[in-house]
Amino acid sequence: MKDKRKNGIGMKFALNGLKEAFLRERNFRIHLYIALIIVIISFYFKLSNIEWMFIISMISLVLLSELINSLIERLIDYLKPEIHPQAKIIKDISAAVVLISAITSVVIGFIIFIPKIF
């Protein structure tokens, strides 16, 4: 019984983390809205199961990258509130993770959707 309560609390914290990211992180909201549009378009084009797996994987990758980037930025701001060259490098590398995942998702999106459009 005790373990079930802990699992519920963990889920509560995780959902609160998603809520905080949605409320405080503009880029997370942008990625989430784009993901919603892509899901709607995917239903319209009646994607195969394999295409859905790629779409869901890429949406997850981008959202996870954005969450990790936000986490790292906030952690650096907390640990090193003053401007520091190493803190900037850490934040820039973290942002590059999001950029690479977003570019990869766009490429995969083109591979899936361009043939369906034309």
PDB file of N, CA and C in Angstrom:
ATOM      1  N   MET A   1       0.827  -1.198   0.000  1.00  0.00           N
ATOM      2  CA  MET A   1       0.000   0.000   0.000  1.00  0.00           C
ATOM      3  C   MET A   1       0.864   1.251   0.000  1.00  0.00           C
ATOM      4  N   LYS A   2       1.926   1.217   0.753  1.00  0.00           N
ATOM      5  CA  LYS A   2       2.812   2.364   0.859  1.00  0.00           C
ATOM      6  C   LYS A   2       3.452   2.706  -0.499  1.00  0.00           C
ATOM      7  N   ASP A   3       3.850   1.688  -1.282  1.00  0.00           N
ATOM      8  CA  ASP A   3       4.475   1.909  -2.590  1.00  0.00           C
ATOM      9  C   ASP A   3       3.521   2.590  -3.554  1.00  0.00           C
ATOM     10  N   LYS A   4       2.229   2.235  -3.510  1.00  0.00           N
ATOM     11  CA  LYS A   4       1.250   2.846  -4.405  1.00  0.00           C
ATOM     12  C   LYS A   4       1.141   4.345  -4.143  1.00  0.00           C
ATOM     13  N   ARG A   5       1.196   4.736  -2.882  1.00  0.00           N
ATOM     14  CA  ARG A   5       1.132   6.146  -2.552  1.00  0.00           C
ATOM     15  C   ARG A   5       2.349   6.889  -3.090  1.00  0.00           C
ATOM     16  N   LYS A   6       3.512   6.284  -2.975  1.00  0.00           N
ATOM     17  CA  LYS A   6       4.731   6.914  -3.487  1.00  0.00           C
ATOM     18  C   LYS A   6       4.654   7.088  -4.999  1.00  0.00           C
ATOM     19  N   ASN A   7       4.144   6.073  -5.711  1.00  0.00           N
ATOM     20  CA  ASN A   7       3.997   6.180  -7.165  1.00  0.00           C
ATOM     21  C   ASN A   7       3.060   7.317  -7.526  1.00  0.00           C
ATOM     22  N   GLY A   8       1.971   7.455  -6.777  1.00  0.00           N
ATOM     23  CA  GLY A   8       1.031   8.543  -7.032  1.00  0.00           C
ATOM     24  C   GLY A   8       1.664   9.899  -6.811  1.00  0.00           C
ATOM     25  N   ILE A   9       2.483   9.996  -5.785  1.00  0.00           N
ATOM     26  CA  ILE A   9       3.161  11.262  -5.491  1.00  0.00           C
ATOM     27  C   ILE A   9       4.171  11.577  -6.595  1.00  0.00           C
ATOM     28  N   GLY A  10       4.902  10.549  -7.040  1.00  0.00           N
ATOM     29  CA  GLY A  10       5.860  10.755  -8.127  1.00  0.00           C
ATOM     30  C   GLY A  10       5.169  11.250  -9.384  1.00  0.00           C
ATOM     31  N   MET A  11       4.018  10.679  -9.698  1.00  0.00           N
ATOM     32  CA  MET A  11       3.251  11.111 -10.863  1.00  0.00           C
ATOM     33  C   MET A  11       2.783  12.551 -10.675  1.00  0.00           C
ATOM     34  N   LYS A  12       2.380  12.881  -9.460  1.00  0.00           N
ATOM     35  CA  LYS A  12       1.935  14.255  -9.167  1.00  0.00           C
ATOM     36  C   LYS A  12       3.076  15.245  -9.411  1.00  0.00           C
ATOM     37  N   PHE A  13       4.272  14.906  -8.954  1.00  0.00           N
ATOM     38  CA  PHE A  13       5.428  15.778  -9.162  1.00  0.00           C
ATOM     39  C   PHE A  13       5.753  15.909 -10.647  1.00  0.00           C
ATOM     40  N   ALA A  14       5.689  14.782 -11.368  1.00  0.00           N
ATOM     41  CA  ALA A  14       5.988  14.802 -12.801  1.00  0.00           C
ATOM     42  C   ALA A  14       4.974  15.667 -13.552  1.00  0.00           C
ATOM     43  N   LEU A  15       3.701  15.511 -13.230  1.00  0.00           N
ATOM     44  CA  LEU A  15       2.670  16.329 -13.882  1.00  0.00           C
ATOM     45  C   LEU A  15       2.834  17.802 -13.534  1.00  0.00           C
ATOM     46  N   ASN A  16       3.235  18.070 -12.292  1.00  0.00           N
ATOM     47  CA  ASN A  16       3.510  19.457 -11.913  1.00  0.00           C
ATOM     48  C   ASN A  16       4.688  20.013 -12.708  1.00  0.00           C
ATOM     49  N   GLY A  17       5.694  19.170 -12.945  1.00  0.00           N
ATOM     50  CA  GLY A  17       6.838  19.599 -13.758  1.00  0.00           C
ATOM     51  C   GLY A  17       6.411  19.960 -15.174  1.00  0.00           C
ATOM     52  N   LEU A  18       5.524  19.147 -15.759  1.00  0.00           N
ATOM     53  CA  LEU A  18       4.998  19.469 -17.092  1.00  0.00           C
ATOM     54  C   LEU A  18       4.208  20.771 -17.074  1.00  0.00           C
ATOM     55  N   LYS A  19       3.406  20.951 -16.022  1.00  0.00           N
ATOM     56  CA  LYS A  19       2.632  22.192 -15.893  1.00  0.00           C
ATOM     57  C   LYS A  19       3.566  23.403 -15.791  1.00  0.00           C
ATOM     58  N   GLU A  20       4.590  23.289 -14.955  1.00  0.00           N
ATOM     59  CA  GLU A  20       5.541  24.400 -14.798  1.00  0.00           C
ATOM     60  C   GLU A  20       6.258  24.694 -16.112  1.00  0.00           C
ATOM     61  N   ALA A  21       6.668  23.641 -16.819  1.00  0.00           N
ATOM     62  CA  ALA A  21       7.337  23.845 -18.108  1.00  0.00           C
ATOM     63  C   ALA A  21       6.393  24.545 -19.084  1.00  0.00           C
ATOM     64  N   PHE A  22       5.140  24.121 -19.107  1.00  0.00           N
ATOM     65  CA  PHE A  22       4.165  24.732 -20.010  1.00  0.00           C
ATOM     66  C   PHE A  22       3.938  26.199 -19.663  1.00  0.00           C
ATOM     67  N   LEU A  23       3.820  26.496 -18.381  1.00  0.00           N
ATOM     68  CA  LEU A  23       3.539  27.869 -17.957  1.00  0.00           C
ATOM     69  C   LEU A  23       4.747  28.803 -18.077  1.00  0.00           C
ATOM     70  N   ARG A  24       5.955  28.277 -17.851  1.00  0.00           N
ATOM     71  CA  ARG A  24       7.137  29.133 -17.751  1.00  0.00           C
ATOM     72  C   ARG A  24       8.067  29.102 -18.960  1.00  0.00           C
ATOM     73  N   GLU A  25       7.945  28.083 -19.796  1.00  0.00           N
ATOM     74  CA  GLU A  25       8.891  27.928 -20.901  1.00  0.00           C
ATOM     75  C   GLU A  25       8.190  28.118 -22.247  1.00  0.00           C
ATOM     76  N   ARG A  26       8.391  29.281 -22.828  1.00  0.00           N
ATOM     77  CA  ARG A  26       7.743  29.630 -24.101  1.00  0.00           C
ATOM     78  C   ARG A  26       8.098  28.635 -25.198  1.00  0.00           C
ATOM     79  N   ASN A  27       9.357  28.246 -25.292  1.00  0.00           N
ATOM     80  CA  ASN A  27       9.764  27.321 -26.349  1.00  0.00           C
ATOM     81  C   ASN A  27       9.123  25.946 -26.186  1.00  0.00           C
ATOM     82  N   PHE A  28       8.922  25.510 -24.937  1.00  0.00           N
ATOM     83  CA  PHE A  28       8.238  24.237 -24.713  1.00  0.00           C
ATOM     84  C   PHE A  28       6.806  24.320 -25.243  1.00  0.00           C
ATOM     85  N   ARG A  29       6.134  25.452 -24.975  1.00  0.00           N
ATOM     86  CA  ARG A  29       4.773  25.628 -25.494  1.00  0.00           C
ATOM     87  C   ARG A  29       4.762  25.624 -27.014  1.00  0.00           C
ATOM     88  N   ILE A  30       5.713  26.298 -27.622  1.00  0.00           N
ATOM     89  CA  ILE A  30       5.787  26.336 -29.084  1.00  0.00           C
ATOM     90  C   ILE A  30       5.955  24.920 -29.638  1.00  0.00           C
ATOM     91  N   HIS A  31       6.883  24.153 -29.070  1.00  0.00           N
ATOM     92  CA  HIS A  31       7.098  22.778 -29.538  1.00  0.00           C
ATOM     93  C   HIS A  31       5.848  21.924 -29.322  1.00  0.00           C
ATOM     94  N   LEU A  32       5.149  22.151 -28.219  1.00  0.00           N
ATOM     95  CA  LEU A  32       3.929  21.392 -27.934  1.00  0.00           C
ATOM     96  C   LEU A  32       2.830  21.730 -28.949  1.00  0.00           C
ATOM     97  N   TYR A  33       2.677  23.006 -29.280  1.00  0.00           N
ATOM     98  CA  TYR A  33       1.668  23.402 -30.270  1.00  0.00           C
ATOM     99  C   TYR A  33       2.004  22.833 -31.653  1.00  0.00           C
ATOM    100  N   ILE A  34       3.262  22.890 -32.012  1.00  0.00           N
ATOM    101  CA  ILE A  34       3.677  22.310 -33.297  1.00  0.00           C
ATOM    102  C   ILE A  34       3.403  20.808 -33.301  1.00  0.00           C
ATOM    103  N   ALA A  35       3.684  20.137 -32.185  1.00  0.00           N
ATOM    104  CA  ALA A  35       3.420  18.696 -32.079  1.00  0.00           C
ATOM    105  C   ALA A  35       1.936  18.409 -32.280  1.00  0.00           C
ATOM    106  N   LEU A  36       1.088  19.233 -31.701  1.00  0.00           N
ATOM    107  CA  LEU A  36      -0.357  19.048 -31.863  1.00  0.00           C
ATOM    108  C   LEU A  36      -0.769  19.191 -33.331  1.00  0.00           C
ATOM    109  N   ILE A  37      -0.220  20.183 -33.999  1.00  0.00           N
ATOM    110  CA  ILE A  37      -0.506  20.382 -35.432  1.00  0.00           C
ATOM    111  C   ILE A  37      -0.038  19.161 -36.233  1.00  0.00           C
ATOM    112  N   ILE A  38       1.155  18.669 -35.923  1.00  0.00           N
ATOM    113  CA  ILE A  38       1.694  17.509 -36.639  1.00  0.00           C
ATOM    114  C   ILE A  38       0.814  16.278 -36.407  1.00  0.00           C
ATOM    115  N   VAL A  39       0.326  16.092 -35.200  1.00  0.00           N
ATOM    116  CA  VAL A  39      -0.555  14.949 -34.918  1.00  0.00           C
ATOM    117  C   VAL A  39      -1.843  15.064 -35.733  1.00  0.00           C
ATOM    118  N   ILE A  40      -2.415  16.257 -35.804  1.00  0.00           N
ATOM    119  CA  ILE A  40      -3.636  16.467 -36.597  1.00  0.00           C
ATOM    120  C   ILE A  40      -3.369  16.177 -38.070  1.00  0.00           C
ATOM    121  N   ILE A  41      -2.255  16.698 -38.588  1.00  0.00           N
ATOM    122  CA  ILE A  41      -1.883  16.439 -39.987  1.00  0.00           C
ATOM    123  C   ILE A  41      -1.657  14.941 -40.208  1.00  0.00           C
ATOM    124  N   SER A  42      -1.064  14.284 -39.233  1.00  0.00           N
ATOM    125  CA  SER A  42      -0.794  12.845 -39.345  1.00  0.00           C
ATOM    126  C   SER A  42      -2.092  12.046 -39.441  1.00  0.00           C
ATOM    127  N   PHE A  43      -3.098  12.444 -38.661  1.00  0.00           N
ATOM    128  CA  PHE A  43      -4.399  11.775 -38.774  1.00  0.00           C
ATOM    129  C   PHE A  43      -5.007  12.025 -40.154  1.00  0.00           C
ATOM    130  N   TYR A  44      -4.876  13.246 -40.641  1.00  0.00           N
ATOM    131  CA  TYR A  44      -5.431  13.596 -41.955  1.00  0.00           C
ATOM    132  C   TYR A  44      -4.831  12.714 -43.056  1.00  0.00           C
ATOM    133  N   PHE A  45      -3.510  12.509 -43.012  1.00  0.00           N
ATOM    134  CA  PHE A  45      -2.836  11.725 -44.049  1.00  0.00           C
ATOM    135  C   PHE A  45      -2.864  10.220 -43.777  1.00  0.00           C
ATOM    136  N   LYS A  46      -3.494   9.801 -42.686  1.00  0.00           N
ATOM    137  CA  LYS A  46      -3.633   8.376 -42.365  1.00  0.00           C
ATOM    138  C   LYS A  46      -2.285   7.641 -42.445  1.00  0.00           C
ATOM    139  N   LEU A  47      -1.377   8.050 -41.579  1.00  0.00           N
ATOM    140  CA  LEU A  47      -0.037   7.475 -41.578  1.00  0.00           C
ATOM    141  C   LEU A  47      -0.066   5.988 -41.241  1.00  0.00           C
ATOM    142  N   SER A  48       0.927   5.284 -41.737  1.00  0.00           N
ATOM    143  CA  SER A  48       1.095   3.871 -41.383  1.00  0.00           C
ATOM    144  C   SER A  48       1.598   3.795 -39.939  1.00  0.00           C
ATOM    145  N   ASN A  49       1.570   2.599 -39.384  1.00  0.00           N
ATOM    146  CA  ASN A  49       2.061   2.408 -38.012  1.00  0.00           C
ATOM    147  C   ASN A  49       3.527   2.806 -37.877  1.00  0.00           C
ATOM    148  N   ILE A  50       4.331   2.458 -38.869  1.00  0.00           N
ATOM    149  CA  ILE A  50       5.759   2.804 -38.815  1.00  0.00           C
ATOM    150  C   ILE A  50       5.941   4.320 -38.889  1.00  0.00           C
ATOM    151  N   GLU A  51       5.178   4.983 -39.746  1.00  0.00           N
ATOM    152  CA  GLU A  51       5.264   6.450 -39.828  1.00  0.00           C
ATOM    153  C   GLU A  51       4.847   7.081 -38.501  1.00  0.00           C
ATOM    154  N   TRP A  52       3.790   6.547 -37.881  1.00  0.00           N
ATOM    155  CA  TRP A  52       3.372   7.047 -36.566  1.00  0.00           C
ATOM    156  C   TRP A  52       4.480   6.863 -35.535  1.00  0.00           C
ATOM    157  N   MET A  53       5.164   5.737 -35.587  1.00  0.00           N
ATOM    158  CA  MET A  53       6.246   5.503 -34.632  1.00  0.00           C
ATOM    159  C   MET A  53       7.333   6.566 -34.785  1.00  0.00           C
ATOM    160  N   PHE A  54       7.661   6.905 -36.021  1.00  0.00           N
ATOM    161  CA  PHE A  54       8.660   7.951 -36.237  1.00  0.00           C
ATOM    162  C   PHE A  54       8.155   9.307 -35.755  1.00  0.00           C
ATOM    163  N   ILE A  55       6.918   9.636 -36.066  1.00  0.00           N
ATOM    164  CA  ILE A  55       6.359  10.933 -35.659  1.00  0.00           C
ATOM    165  C   ILE A  55       6.329  11.044 -34.138  1.00  0.00           C
ATOM    166  N   ILE A  56       5.810  10.021 -33.475  1.00  0.00           N
ATOM    167  CA  ILE A  56       5.737  10.047 -32.006  1.00  0.00           C
ATOM    168  C   ILE A  56       7.132  10.088 -31.390  1.00  0.00           C
ATOM    169  N   SER A  57       8.065   9.342 -31.958  1.00  0.00           N
ATOM    170  CA  SER A  57       9.438   9.344 -31.444  1.00  0.00           C
ATOM    171  C   SER A  57      10.076  10.719 -31.582  1.00  0.00           C
ATOM    172  N   MET A  58       9.868  11.352 -32.729  1.00  0.00           N
ATOM    173  CA  MET A  58      10.493  12.663 -32.936  1.00  0.00           C
ATOM    174  C   MET A  58       9.834  13.737 -32.065  1.00  0.00           C
ATOM    175  N   ILE A  59       8.519  13.671 -31.913  1.00  0.00           N
ATOM    176  CA  ILE A  59       7.844  14.621 -31.016  1.00  0.00           C
ATOM    177  C   ILE A  59       8.393  14.448 -29.601  1.00  0.00           C
ATOM    178  N   SER A  60       8.501  13.210 -29.160  1.00  0.00           N
ATOM    179  CA  SER A  60       9.038  12.944 -27.817  1.00  0.00           C
ATOM    180  C   SER A  60      10.470  13.445 -27.681  1.00  0.00           C
ATOM    181  N   LEU A  61      11.285  13.188 -28.700  1.00  0.00           N
ATOM    182  CA  LEU A  61      12.681  13.625 -28.654  1.00  0.00           C
ATOM    183  C   LEU A  61      12.790  15.148 -28.524  1.00  0.00           C
ATOM    184  N   VAL A  62      12.009  15.866 -29.310  1.00  0.00           N
ATOM    185  CA  VAL A  62      12.072  17.335 -29.259  1.00  0.00           C
ATOM    186  C   VAL A  62      11.576  17.851 -27.912  1.00  0.00           C
ATOM    187  N   LEU A  63      10.448  17.319 -27.433  1.00  0.00           N
ATOM    188  CA  LEU A  63       9.923  17.780 -26.139  1.00  0.00           C
ATOM    189  C   LEU A  63      10.875  17.437 -24.994  1.00  0.00           C
ATOM    190  N   LEU A  64      11.440  16.242 -25.020  1.00  0.00           N
ATOM    191  CA  LEU A  64      12.411  15.869 -23.986  1.00  0.00           C
ATOM    192  C   LEU A  64      13.656  16.752 -24.057  1.00  0.00           C
ATOM    193  N   SER A  65      14.126  17.023 -25.259  1.00  0.00           N
ATOM    194  CA  SER A  65      15.294  17.898 -25.423  1.00  0.00           C
ATOM    195  C   SER A  65      15.008  19.281 -24.854  1.00  0.00           C
ATOM    196  N   GLU A  66      13.819  19.791 -25.120  1.00  0.00           N
ATOM    197  CA  GLU A  66      13.446  21.118 -24.618  1.00  0.00           C
ATOM    198  C   GLU A  66      13.344  21.116 -23.096  1.00  0.00           C
ATOM    199  N   LEU A  67      12.789  20.062 -22.536  1.00  0.00           N
ATOM    200  CA  LEU A  67      12.712  19.972 -21.070  1.00  0.00           C
ATOM    201  C   LEU A  67      14.099  19.903 -20.445  1.00  0.00           C
ATOM    202  N   ILE A  68      14.972  19.092 -21.027  1.00  0.00           N
ATOM    203  CA  ILE A  68      16.337  18.976 -20.498  1.00  0.00           C
ATOM    204  C   ILE A  68      17.080  20.304 -20.639  1.00  0.00           C
ATOM    205  N   ASN A  69      16.899  20.972 -21.775  1.00  0.00           N
ATOM    206  CA  ASN A  69      17.516  22.276 -21.972  1.00  0.00           C
ATOM    207  C   ASN A  69      17.036  23.273 -20.908  1.00  0.00           C
ATOM    208  N   SER A  70      15.737  23.303 -20.669  1.00  0.00           N
ATOM    209  CA  SER A  70      15.184  24.215 -19.662  1.00  0.00           C
ATOM    210  C   SER A  70      15.726  23.879 -18.276  1.00  0.00           C
ATOM    211  N   LEU A  71      15.798  22.597 -17.982  1.00  0.00           N
ATOM    212  CA  LEU A  71      16.335  22.151 -16.702  1.00  0.00           C
ATOM    213  C   LEU A  71      17.779  22.619 -16.525  1.00  0.00           C
ATOM    214  N   ILE A  72      18.599  22.410 -17.538  1.00  0.00           N
ATOM    215  CA  ILE A  72      20.011  22.802 -17.450  1.00  0.00           C
ATOM    216  C   ILE A  72      20.141  24.316 -17.304  1.00  0.00           C
ATOM    217  N   GLU A  73      19.370  25.069 -18.085  1.00  0.00           N
ATOM    218  CA  GLU A  73      19.446  26.531 -17.985  1.00  0.00           C
ATOM    219  C   GLU A  73      19.068  27.013 -16.586  1.00  0.00           C
ATOM    220  N   ARG A  74      17.995  26.469 -16.042  1.00  0.00           N
ATOM    221  CA  ARG A  74      17.567  26.877 -14.692  1.00  0.00           C
ATOM    222  C   ARG A  74      18.590  26.460 -13.632  1.00  0.00           C
ATOM    223  N   LEU A  75      19.157  25.290 -13.793  1.00  0.00           N
ATOM    224  CA  LEU A  75      20.155  24.819 -12.845  1.00  0.00           C
ATOM    225  C   LEU A  75      21.397  25.711 -12.871  1.00  0.00           C
ATOM    226  N   ILE A  76      21.840  26.057 -14.064  1.00  0.00           N
ATOM    227  CA  ILE A  76      23.004  26.950 -14.189  1.00  0.00           C
ATOM    228  C   ILE A  76      22.690  28.318 -13.580  1.00  0.00           C
ATOM    229  N   ASP A  77      21.501  28.841 -13.854  1.00  0.00           N
ATOM    230  CA  ASP A  77      21.117  30.137 -13.274  1.00  0.00           C
ATOM    231  C   ASP A  77      21.082  30.078 -11.749  1.00  0.00           C
ATOM    232  N   TYR A  78      20.671  28.947 -11.214  1.00  0.00           N
ATOM    233  CA  TYR A  78      20.609  28.774  -9.765  1.00  0.00           C
ATOM    234  C   TYR A  78      22.014  28.666  -9.154  1.00  0.00           C
ATOM    235  N   LEU A  79      22.860  27.866  -9.799  1.00  0.00           N
ATOM    236  CA  LEU A  79      24.197  27.632  -9.254  1.00  0.00           C
ATOM    237  C   LEU A  79      25.160  28.783  -9.529  1.00  0.00           C
ATOM    238  N   LYS A  80      24.971  29.454 -10.642  1.00  0.00           N
ATOM    239  CA  LYS A  80      25.905  30.505 -11.056  1.00  0.00           C
ATOM    240  C   LYS A  80      25.103  31.703 -11.572  1.00  0.00           C
ATOM    241  N   PRO A  81      24.439  32.449 -10.675  1.00  0.00           N
ATOM    242  CA  PRO A  81      23.577  33.538 -11.134  1.00  0.00           C
ATOM    243  C   PRO A  81      24.324  34.668 -11.866  1.00  0.00           C
ATOM    244  N   GLU A  82      25.596  34.845 -11.541  1.00  0.00           N
ATOM    245  CA  GLU A  82      26.360  35.870 -12.247  1.00  0.00           C
ATOM    246  C   GLU A  82      26.797  35.338 -13.619  1.00  0.00           C
ATOM    247  N   ILE A  83      27.048  36.258 -14.529  1.00  0.00           N
ATOM    248  CA  ILE A  83      27.467  35.862 -15.876  1.00  0.00           C
ATOM    249  C   ILE A  83      28.857  35.238 -15.796  1.00  0.00           C
ATOM    250  N   HIS A  84      28.986  34.076 -16.434  1.00  0.00           N
ATOM    251  CA  HIS A  84      30.252  33.361 -16.427  1.00  0.00           C
ATOM    252  C   HIS A  84      30.423  32.686 -17.787  1.00  0.00           C
ATOM    253  N   PRO A  85      31.630  32.756 -18.378  1.00  0.00           N
ATOM    254  CA  PRO A  85      31.833  32.170 -19.704  1.00  0.00           C
ATOM    255  C   PRO A  85      31.517  30.672 -19.771  1.00  0.00           C
ATOM    256  N   GLN A  86      31.853  29.919 -18.730  1.00  0.00           N
ATOM    257  CA  GLN A  86      31.567  28.483 -18.739  1.00  0.00           C
ATOM    258  C   GLN A  86      30.066  28.215 -18.672  1.00  0.00           C
ATOM    259  N   ALA A  87      29.349  29.047 -17.903  1.00  0.00           N
ATOM    260  CA  ALA A  87      27.891  28.892 -17.817  1.00  0.00           C
ATOM    261  C   ALA A  87      27.262  29.124 -19.187  1.00  0.00           C
ATOM    262  N   LYS A  88      27.769  30.097 -19.919  1.00  0.00           N
ATOM    263  CA  LYS A  88      27.249  30.373 -21.266  1.00  0.00           C
ATOM    264  C   LYS A  88      27.489  29.188 -22.200  1.00  0.00           C
ATOM    265  N   ILE A  89      28.674  28.608 -22.128  1.00  0.00           N
ATOM    266  CA  ILE A  89      28.992  27.455 -22.979  1.00  0.00           C
ATOM    267  C   ILE A  89      28.056  26.288 -22.667  1.00  0.00           C
ATOM    268  N   ILE A  90      27.833  26.036 -21.377  1.00  0.00           N
ATOM    269  CA  ILE A  90      26.931  24.951 -20.983  1.00  0.00           C
ATOM    270  C   ILE A  90      25.528  25.196 -21.536  1.00  0.00           C
ATOM    271  N   LYS A  91      25.040  26.418 -21.405  1.00  0.00           N
ATOM    272  CA  LYS A  91      23.702  26.749 -21.916  1.00  0.00           C
ATOM    273  C   LYS A  91      23.650  26.640 -23.442  1.00  0.00           C
ATOM    274  N   ASP A  92      24.695  27.083 -24.110  1.00  0.00           N
ATOM    275  CA  ASP A  92      24.723  27.009 -25.578  1.00  0.00           C
ATOM    276  C   ASP A  92      24.716  25.562 -26.066  1.00  0.00           C
ATOM    277  N   ILE A  93      25.485  24.718 -25.414  1.00  0.00           N
ATOM    278  CA  ILE A  93      25.515  23.298 -25.798  1.00  0.00           C
ATOM    279  C   ILE A  93      24.147  22.660 -25.539  1.00  0.00           C
ATOM    280  N   SER A  94      23.538  23.013 -24.428  1.00  0.00           N
ATOM    281  CA  SER A  94      22.210  22.496 -24.117  1.00  0.00           C
ATOM    282  C   SER A  94      21.191  22.931 -25.180  1.00  0.00           C
ATOM    283  N   ALA A  95      21.276  24.177 -25.626  1.00  0.00           N
ATOM    284  CA  ALA A  95      20.385  24.661 -26.684  1.00  0.00           C
ATOM    285  C   ALA A  95      20.660  23.940 -28.002  1.00  0.00           C
ATOM    286  N   ALA A  96      21.911  23.580 -28.245  1.00  0.00           N
ATOM    287  CA  ALA A  96      22.268  22.857 -29.474  1.00  0.00           C
ATOM    288  C   ALA A  96      21.599  21.483 -29.517  1.00  0.00           C
ATOM    289  N   VAL A  97      21.408  20.869 -28.365  1.00  0.00           N
ATOM    290  CA  VAL A  97      20.704  19.577 -28.307  1.00  0.00           C
ATOM    291  C   VAL A  97      19.293  19.736 -28.863  1.00  0.00           C
ATOM    292  N   VAL A  98      18.610  20.794 -28.448  1.00  0.00           N
ATOM    293  CA  VAL A  98      17.251  21.056 -28.941  1.00  0.00           C
ATOM    294  C   VAL A  98      17.281  21.325 -30.443  1.00  0.00           C
ATOM    295  N   LEU A  99      18.232  22.111 -30.874  1.00  0.00           N
ATOM    296  CA  LEU A  99      18.339  22.443 -32.293  1.00  0.00           C
ATOM    297  C   LEU A  99      18.522  21.186 -33.141  1.00  0.00           C
ATOM    298  N   ILE A 100      19.419  20.316 -32.734  1.00  0.00           N
ATOM    299  CA  ILE A 100      19.672  19.090 -33.500  1.00  0.00           C
ATOM    300  C   ILE A 100      18.428  18.203 -33.523  1.00  0.00           C
ATOM    301  N   SER A 101      17.760  18.064 -32.392  1.00  0.00           N
ATOM    302  CA  SER A 101      16.552  17.230 -32.378  1.00  0.00           C
ATOM    303  C   SER A 101      15.447  17.848 -33.225  1.00  0.00           C
ATOM    304  N   ALA A 102      15.322  19.169 -33.210  1.00  0.00           N
ATOM    305  CA  ALA A 102      14.294  19.829 -34.022  1.00  0.00           C
ATOM    306  C   ALA A 102      14.597  19.687 -35.515  1.00  0.00           C
ATOM    307  N   ILE A 103      15.853  19.885 -35.907  1.00  0.00           N
ATOM    308  CA  ILE A 103      16.224  19.733 -37.320  1.00  0.00           C
ATOM    309  C   ILE A 103      15.983  18.300 -37.780  1.00  0.00           C
ATOM    310  N   THR A 104      16.369  17.344 -36.958  1.00  0.00           N
ATOM    311  CA  THR A 104      16.155  15.937 -37.307  1.00  0.00           C
ATOM    312  C   THR A 104      14.670  15.640 -37.471  1.00  0.00           C
ATOM    313  N   SER A 105      13.848  16.189 -36.600  1.00  0.00           N
ATOM    314  CA  SER A 105      12.409  15.938 -36.700  1.00  0.00           C
ATOM    315  C   SER A 105      11.825  16.571 -37.959  1.00  0.00           C
ATOM    316  N   VAL A 106      12.325  17.730 -38.355  1.00  0.00           N
ATOM    317  CA  VAL A 106      11.854  18.373 -39.588  1.00  0.00           C
ATOM    318  C   VAL A 106      12.233  17.523 -40.801  1.00  0.00           C
ATOM    319  N   VAL A 107      13.453  17.021 -40.823  1.00  0.00           N
ATOM    320  CA  VAL A 107      13.897  16.172 -41.937  1.00  0.00           C
ATOM    321  C   VAL A 107      13.015  14.921 -42.030  1.00  0.00           C
ATOM    322  N   ILE A 108      12.786  14.272 -40.896  1.00  0.00           N
ATOM    323  CA  ILE A 108      11.940  13.078 -40.904  1.00  0.00           C
ATOM    324  C   ILE A 108      10.509  13.442 -41.312  1.00  0.00           C
ATOM    325  N   GLY A 109      10.034  14.589 -40.853  1.00  0.00           N
ATOM    326  CA  GLY A 109       8.709  15.052 -41.263  1.00  0.00           C
ATOM    327  C   GLY A 109       8.621  15.243 -42.764  1.00  0.00           C
ATOM    328  N   PHE A 110       9.650  15.847 -43.362  1.00  0.00           N
ATOM    329  CA  PHE A 110       9.670  16.005 -44.819  1.00  0.00           C
ATOM    330  C   PHE A 110       9.651  14.656 -45.525  1.00  0.00           C
ATOM    331  N   ILE A 111      10.446  13.717 -45.023  1.00  0.00           N
ATOM    332  CA  ILE A 111      10.499  12.379 -45.633  1.00  0.00           C
ATOM    333  C   ILE A 111       9.120  11.721 -45.601  1.00  0.00           C
ATOM    334  N   ILE A 112       8.394  11.918 -44.523  1.00  0.00           N
ATOM    335  CA  ILE A 112       7.070  11.288 -44.397  1.00  0.00           C
ATOM    336  C   ILE A 112       5.995  12.051 -45.164  1.00  0.00           C
ATOM    337  N   PHE A 113       5.973  13.381 -45.059  1.00  0.00           N
ATOM    338  CA  PHE A 113       4.830  14.154 -45.552  1.00  0.00           C
ATOM    339  C   PHE A 113       4.954  14.633 -47.004  1.00  0.00           C
ATOM    340  N   ILE A 114       6.152  14.905 -47.478  1.00  0.00           N
ATOM    341  CA  ILE A 114       6.305  15.418 -48.855  1.00  0.00           C
ATOM    342  C   ILE A 114       5.688  14.456 -49.880  1.00  0.00           C
ATOM    343  N   PRO A 115       5.966  13.154 -49.818  1.00  0.00           N
ATOM    344  CA  PRO A 115       5.337  12.253 -50.795  1.00  0.00           C
ATOM    345  C   PRO A 115       3.804  12.229 -50.684  1.00  0.00           C
ATOM    346  N   LYS A 116       3.276  12.450 -49.509  1.00  0.00           N
ATOM    347  CA  LYS A 116       1.827  12.436 -49.317  1.00  0.00           C
ATOM    348  C   LYS A 116       1.182  13.715 -49.859  1.00  0.00           C
ATOM    349  N   ILE A 117       1.932  14.808 -49.827  1.00  0.00           N
ATOM    350  CA  ILE A 117       1.402  16.090 -50.331  1.00  0.00           C
ATOM    351  C   ILE A 117       1.410  16.098 -51.851  1.00  0.00           C
ATOM    352  N   PHE A 118       2.464  15.509 -52.441  1.00  0.00           N
ATOM    353  CA  PHE A 118       2.589  15.537 -53.914  1.00  0.00           C
ATOM    354  C   PHE A 118       2.234  14.235 -54.476  1.00  0.00           C
TER     355      PHE A 118
END
